[in-house]
Amino acid sequence: MSGLASTSNASAQINNLAADTKPPGNDGATKVKPCCVCKDEKAARDECMLFSTAQDPQAACQDLVSKYRSCMKGFGFELA
């Protein structure tokens, strides 16, 4: 029976070692990708920029661009 007990202890130790390979404090469930956040703001910004009839769409859509940037900054992303 001692062989069986050492085998289960070894597998428990392997499982613990595998669990410890993640960096501490980095929960994969809370990390978001830039493509998955601020979708409404991005869609409004893109629609304004693409379909604007203004002479300078960048100036006309500046408020939507600012909203998108501040939304992204809220999730920790810095846009140039």
Protein backbone atom coordinates (compact mmCIF):
# COMPACT_ATOMS: atom_id res chain seq x y z
CA MET A 1 0.00 0.00 0.00
CA SER A 2 2.88 2.37 0.56
CA GLY A 3 3.54 2.42 -3.22
CA LEU A 4 -0.02 3.55 -3.87
CA ALA A 5 0.18 6.27 -1.23
CA SER A 6 3.43 7.64 -2.66
CA THR A 7 1.94 7.66 -6.16
CA SER A 8 -1.05 9.75 -5.07
CA ASN A 9 1.26 12.10 -3.15
CA ALA A 10 3.46 12.47 -6.24
CA SER A 11 0.49 13.27 -8.49
CA ALA A 12 -0.83 15.78 -5.93
CA GLN A 13 2.60 17.41 -5.88
CA ILE A 14 2.67 17.54 -9.70
CA ASN A 15 -0.77 19.14 -9.75
CA ASN A 16 0.34 21.73 -7.22
CA LEU A 17 3.47 22.52 -9.23
CA ALA A 18 1.40 23.01 -12.37
CA ALA A 19 -0.97 25.36 -10.57
CA ASP A 20 1.93 27.48 -9.34
CA THR A 21 3.25 28.31 -12.83
CA LYS A 22 0.90 31.28 -13.24
CA PRO A 23 2.27 34.62 -12.09
CA PRO A 24 0.71 35.69 -8.79
CA GLY A 25 -2.14 38.17 -9.07
CA ASN A 26 -2.67 37.59 -12.77
CA ASP A 27 -6.16 36.16 -13.13
CA GLY A 28 -6.84 35.26 -16.76
CA ALA A 29 -10.58 35.82 -16.33
CA THR A 30 -10.14 39.51 -15.49
CA LYS A 31 -7.68 40.31 -18.30
CA VAL A 32 -9.50 41.72 -21.32
CA LYS A 33 -8.42 42.13 -24.91
CA PRO A 34 -8.63 45.53 -26.60
CA CYS A 35 -10.93 44.13 -29.27
CA CYS A 36 -13.49 43.05 -26.68
CA VAL A 37 -14.12 46.33 -24.84
CA CYS A 38 -15.71 49.66 -25.80
CA LYS A 39 -17.48 48.13 -28.80
CA ASP A 40 -20.28 50.71 -28.89
CA GLU A 41 -17.86 53.63 -28.67
CA LYS A 42 -15.66 52.12 -31.37
CA ALA A 43 -18.63 51.51 -33.68
CA ALA A 44 -19.88 55.08 -33.25
CA ARG A 45 -16.38 56.47 -33.86
CA ASP A 46 -15.86 54.33 -36.96
CA GLU A 47 -19.28 55.14 -38.39
CA CYS A 48 -18.67 58.84 -37.90
CA MET A 49 -15.22 58.74 -39.47
CA LEU A 50 -16.25 56.60 -42.45
CA PHE A 51 -19.58 58.18 -43.33
CA SER A 52 -19.10 61.79 -42.27
CA THR A 53 -20.00 64.38 -44.88
CA ALA A 54 -17.93 67.04 -43.12
CA GLN A 55 -14.93 68.60 -44.83
CA ASP A 56 -12.72 67.36 -41.95
CA PRO A 57 -14.16 64.13 -40.48
CA GLN A 58 -11.39 63.93 -37.88
CA ALA A 59 -12.42 67.27 -36.40
CA ALA A 60 -16.15 66.52 -36.73
CA CYS A 61 -15.80 63.21 -34.89
CA GLN A 62 -13.37 64.40 -32.21
CA ASP A 63 -15.92 63.99 -29.39
CA LEU A 64 -16.53 60.33 -30.35
CA VAL A 65 -12.79 59.71 -30.63
CA SER A 66 -12.31 61.20 -27.16
CA LYS A 67 -15.09 59.02 -25.71
CA TYR A 68 -13.47 55.92 -27.24
CA ARG A 69 -10.03 56.84 -25.90
CA SER A 70 -11.34 57.49 -22.39
CA CYS A 71 -13.25 54.19 -22.45
CA MET A 72 -10.12 52.30 -23.50
CA LYS A 73 -8.08 54.10 -20.85
CA GLY A 74 -10.60 52.91 -18.25
CA PHE A 75 -9.64 49.34 -19.16
CA GLY A 76 -5.92 50.13 -18.94
CA PHE A 77 -5.16 50.64 -22.63
CA GLU A 78 -3.25 53.71 -23.80
CA LEU A 79 -3.92 54.87 -27.35
CA ALA A 80 -1.43 57.04 -29.20
